Each structure stands twice: as C-alpha cells, then as structure tokens.
Amino acid sequence: MNNEVQTYIDKQASPQKEIMKKIRRLLQKTAPMATETMSYGVPAFKLSGSNLMIYAAFKNHVGIYPEPETIKIFEKELTDYETSKGAVKFKIDEPIPYGLIEKITKYRIKMKLKK
C-alpha cells in the first residue's frame, strides 16, 4: 500500500475518487507482482523496472497511460473513447470499462514479462 497513492486518490472529488479506487483495486488484483508507486505525479504500477500502467484523475475524465504500442493493439476496442499517442480518456459521466482496463493490463504484463 503506497501512502502517496492513497493521498492522491483521497484528494480527488467524486466520482473521480471512487473510479480511481476501483482502478487501483483492479490493478492490484490483476498485477500483484507489480510495485505501486507515483510516476509523473500520478499513481502508477511498475513491473521489471518500468511503468506497467499509469492512471490519473482530471476534472471531466480519468485516464490510463498504457504506452503507445498498447493503444495501437487495442485500437478497435477503444473507438468509443478519446485516445492520443499514449493516453486513453474515460469520461466520468459514462460507464468506465473496467473489464477493458483489466484486459489491457493483462496484455501489458504479458509484454513486460516477454522482454
């Protein structure tokens, strides 16, 4: 349990706080071998010395940052969400696709362990 991550999440407004808690639990469950930390001032999980998944809260969305190559791999499944080279944005007033976040995380684990 990382206190900096807890502090970051606790400072969020609702519903961002609840969404961030769910994403954190999902990542803890999906990647128990990963280390929880802060990266670029926001929560992250690291595996094999580099970022596995970064996630953050903003005024109108929460974002995940799974690396550009991963976003390309999941391009078809992400068409309903705003994406950029390295980010996926989920609007807070729409259902958060936790199953898709889990699927992306499992893919990232697989890629990290291959290297």
C-alpha atoms as a PDB file:
ATOM      1  CA  MET A   1       0.000   0.000   0.000  1.00  0.00           C
ATOM      2  CA  ASN A   2       1.587   3.244  -1.133  1.00  0.00           C
ATOM      3  CA  ASN A   3       0.742   6.265   1.050  1.00  0.00           C
ATOM      4  CA  GLU A   4       1.465   8.795  -1.731  1.00  0.00           C
ATOM      5  CA  VAL A   5      -1.014   6.994  -3.997  1.00  0.00           C
ATOM      6  CA  GLN A   6      -3.588   6.909  -1.196  1.00  0.00           C
ATOM      7  CA  THR A   7      -3.146  10.641  -0.598  1.00  0.00           C
ATOM      8  CA  TYR A   8      -3.533  11.381  -4.327  1.00  0.00           C
ATOM      9  CA  ILE A   9      -6.751   9.354  -4.526  1.00  0.00           C
ATOM     10  CA  ASP A  10      -8.147  10.799  -1.271  1.00  0.00           C
ATOM     11  CA  LYS A  11      -7.717  14.351  -2.652  1.00  0.00           C
ATOM     12  CA  GLN A  12      -9.955  13.647  -5.670  1.00  0.00           C
ATOM     13  CA  ALA A  13     -13.558  14.805  -5.914  1.00  0.00           C
ATOM     14  CA  SER A  14     -16.401  12.350  -6.515  1.00  0.00           C
ATOM     15  CA  PRO A  15     -16.910  10.427  -8.743  1.00  0.00           C
ATOM     16  CA  GLN A  16     -13.192  10.511  -9.678  1.00  0.00           C
ATOM     17  CA  LYS A  17     -12.194   9.258  -6.213  1.00  0.00           C
ATOM     18  CA  GLU A  18     -14.416   6.166  -6.464  1.00  0.00           C
ATOM     19  CA  ILE A  19     -13.299   5.442 -10.040  1.00  0.00           C
ATOM     20  CA  MET A  20      -9.633   5.772  -9.041  1.00  0.00           C
ATOM     21  CA  LYS A  21     -10.173   3.403  -6.083  1.00  0.00           C
ATOM     22  CA  LYS A  22     -11.733   0.818  -8.411  1.00  0.00           C
ATOM     23  CA  ILE A  23      -8.911   1.123 -10.945  1.00  0.00           C
ATOM     24  CA  ARG A  24      -6.344   0.797  -8.146  1.00  0.00           C
ATOM     25  CA  ARG A  25      -8.011  -2.374  -6.788  1.00  0.00           C
ATOM     26  CA  LEU A  26      -8.281  -3.786 -10.303  1.00  0.00           C
ATOM     27  CA  LEU A  27      -4.562  -3.186 -10.930  1.00  0.00           C
ATOM     28  CA  GLN A  28      -3.584  -4.615  -7.535  1.00  0.00           C
ATOM     29  CA  LYS A  29      -5.618  -7.748  -8.280  1.00  0.00           C
ATOM     30  CA  THR A  30      -4.518  -8.122 -11.916  1.00  0.00           C
ATOM     31  CA  ALA A  31      -0.830  -7.333 -11.339  1.00  0.00           C
ATOM     32  CA  PRO A  32       0.022  -8.457  -7.786  1.00  0.00           C
ATOM     33  CA  MET A  33       3.681  -8.747  -8.802  1.00  0.00           C
ATOM     34  CA  ALA A  34       3.854  -5.062  -9.758  1.00  0.00           C
ATOM     35  CA  THR A  35       5.092  -2.296  -7.476  1.00  0.00           C
ATOM     36  CA  GLU A  36       2.738   0.575  -6.699  1.00  0.00           C
ATOM     37  CA  THR A  37       4.360   3.993  -6.956  1.00  0.00           C
ATOM     38  CA  MET A  38       3.906   7.554  -8.167  1.00  0.00           C
ATOM     39  CA  SER A  39       5.162   8.489 -11.636  1.00  0.00           C
ATOM     40  CA  TYR A  40       4.901  11.949 -13.203  1.00  0.00           C
ATOM     41  CA  GLY A  41       2.962  12.985 -10.076  1.00  0.00           C
ATOM     42  CA  VAL A  42       0.183  10.401 -10.520  1.00  0.00           C
ATOM     43  CA  PRO A  43      -0.398   6.761  -9.450  1.00  0.00           C
ATOM     44  CA  ALA A  44       1.396   4.014 -11.331  1.00  0.00           C
ATOM     45  CA  PHE A  45       2.284   0.357 -11.181  1.00  0.00           C
ATOM     46  CA  LYS A  46       5.782  -0.682 -12.246  1.00  0.00           C
ATOM     47  CA  LEU A  47       6.948  -4.085 -13.402  1.00  0.00           C
ATOM     48  CA  SER A  48      10.502  -5.076 -14.301  1.00  0.00           C
ATOM     49  CA  GLY A  49      11.719  -1.566 -13.510  1.00  0.00           C
ATOM     50  CA  SER A  50       9.416   0.412 -15.792  1.00  0.00           C
ATOM     51  CA  ASN A  51       5.805   1.589 -15.896  1.00  0.00           C
ATOM     52  CA  LEU A  52       3.184  -1.084 -16.408  1.00  0.00           C
ATOM     53  CA  MET A  53       0.203   1.268 -16.089  1.00  0.00           C
ATOM     54  CA  ILE A  54      -0.185   4.884 -15.053  1.00  0.00           C
ATOM     55  CA  TYR A  55      -3.613   6.281 -14.170  1.00  0.00           C
ATOM     56  CA  ALA A  56      -4.832   9.731 -13.233  1.00  0.00           C
ATOM     57  CA  ALA A  57      -7.918  11.805 -12.425  1.00  0.00           C
ATOM     58  CA  PHE A  58      -8.957  15.034 -14.103  1.00  0.00           C
ATOM     59  CA  LYS A  59     -11.971  17.349 -13.981  1.00  0.00           C
ATOM     60  CA  ASN A  60     -14.057  15.530 -16.615  1.00  0.00           C
ATOM     61  CA  HIS A  61     -12.277  12.212 -17.099  1.00  0.00           C
ATOM     62  CA  VAL A  62      -9.895   9.631 -15.722  1.00  0.00           C
ATOM     63  CA  GLY A  63      -7.032   8.492 -17.868  1.00  0.00           C
ATOM     64  CA  ILE A  64      -4.890   5.428 -18.232  1.00  0.00           C
ATOM     65  CA  TYR A  65      -1.471   5.516 -19.825  1.00  0.00           C
ATOM     66  CA  PRO A  66      -0.548   2.034 -21.074  1.00  0.00           C
ATOM     67  CA  GLU A  67       2.158   3.028 -23.638  1.00  0.00           C
ATOM     68  CA  PRO A  68       1.572   3.901 -27.318  1.00  0.00           C
ATOM     69  CA  GLU A  69       2.090   0.378 -28.724  1.00  0.00           C
ATOM     70  CA  THR A  70      -0.665  -0.967 -26.455  1.00  0.00           C
ATOM     71  CA  ILE A  71      -3.122   1.699 -27.581  1.00  0.00           C
ATOM     72  CA  LYS A  72      -2.473   0.640 -31.201  1.00  0.00           C
ATOM     73  CA  ILE A  73      -3.091  -3.029 -30.302  1.00  0.00           C
ATOM     74  CA  PHE A  74      -6.453  -2.187 -28.660  1.00  0.00           C
ATOM     75  CA  GLU A  75      -7.429   0.461 -31.251  1.00  0.00           C
ATOM     76  CA  LYS A  76     -10.706  -1.256 -32.246  1.00  0.00           C
ATOM     77  CA  GLU A  77     -11.814  -1.740 -28.626  1.00  0.00           C
ATOM     78  CA  LEU A  78     -11.000   1.889 -27.794  1.00  0.00           C
ATOM     79  CA  THR A  79     -13.039   3.549 -30.569  1.00  0.00           C
ATOM     80  CA  ASP A  80     -15.667   4.759 -28.050  1.00  0.00           C
ATOM     81  CA  TYR A  81     -13.030   6.629 -26.018  1.00  0.00           C
ATOM     82  CA  GLU A  82     -10.751   9.569 -26.662  1.00  0.00           C
ATOM     83  CA  THR A  83      -7.202   8.389 -27.219  1.00  0.00           C
ATOM     84  CA  SER A  84      -3.902  10.019 -28.004  1.00  0.00           C
ATOM     85  CA  LYS A  85      -0.469   8.553 -28.631  1.00  0.00           C
ATOM     86  CA  GLY A  86      -0.051   7.361 -25.039  1.00  0.00           C
ATOM     87  CA  ALA A  87      -3.361   8.006 -23.262  1.00  0.00           C
ATOM     88  CA  VAL A  88      -6.916   6.750 -23.049  1.00  0.00           C
ATOM     89  CA  LYS A  89      -9.540   9.066 -21.540  1.00  0.00           C
ATOM     90  CA  PHE A  90     -12.729   7.768 -19.918  1.00  0.00           C
ATOM     91  CA  LYS A  91     -15.385  10.432 -19.313  1.00  0.00           C
ATOM     92  CA  ILE A  92     -16.593  10.387 -15.713  1.00  0.00           C
ATOM     93  CA  ASP A  93     -20.236  10.728 -16.732  1.00  0.00           C
ATOM     94  CA  GLU A  94     -20.130   7.499 -18.785  1.00  0.00           C
ATOM     95  CA  PRO A  95     -19.628   3.890 -17.629  1.00  0.00           C
ATOM     96  CA  ILE A  96     -15.948   3.075 -17.039  1.00  0.00           C
ATOM     97  CA  PRO A  97     -14.894  -0.094 -18.938  1.00  0.00           C
ATOM     98  CA  TYR A  98     -13.141  -1.856 -16.058  1.00  0.00           C
ATOM     99  CA  GLY A  99     -13.108  -5.146 -18.000  1.00  0.00           C
ATOM    100  CA  LEU A 100     -11.227  -3.467 -20.839  1.00  0.00           C
ATOM    101  CA  ILE A 101      -8.754  -1.865 -18.402  1.00  0.00           C
ATOM    102  CA  GLU A 102      -8.122  -5.340 -16.961  1.00  0.00           C
ATOM    103  CA  LYS A 103      -7.631  -6.809 -20.450  1.00  0.00           C
ATOM    104  CA  ILE A 104      -5.160  -4.034 -21.362  1.00  0.00           C
ATOM    105  CA  THR A 105      -3.289  -4.579 -18.080  1.00  0.00           C
ATOM    106  CA  LYS A 106      -3.013  -8.339 -18.700  1.00  0.00           C
ATOM    107  CA  TYR A 107      -1.630  -7.612 -22.181  1.00  0.00           C
ATOM    108  CA  ARG A 108       0.923  -5.175 -20.700  1.00  0.00           C
ATOM    109  CA  ILE A 109       2.024  -7.803 -18.135  1.00  0.00           C
ATOM    110  CA  LYS A 110       2.495 -10.353 -20.903  1.00  0.00           C
ATOM    111  CA  MET A 111       4.589  -7.912 -22.960  1.00  0.00           C
ATOM    112  CA  LYS A 112       6.686  -6.868 -19.956  1.00  0.00           C
ATOM    113  CA  LEU A 113       7.460 -10.461 -18.968  1.00  0.00           C
ATOM    114  CA  LYS A 114       8.464 -11.302 -22.566  1.00  0.00           C
ATOM    115  CA  LYS A 115      11.201  -8.646 -22.588  1.00  0.00           C
END
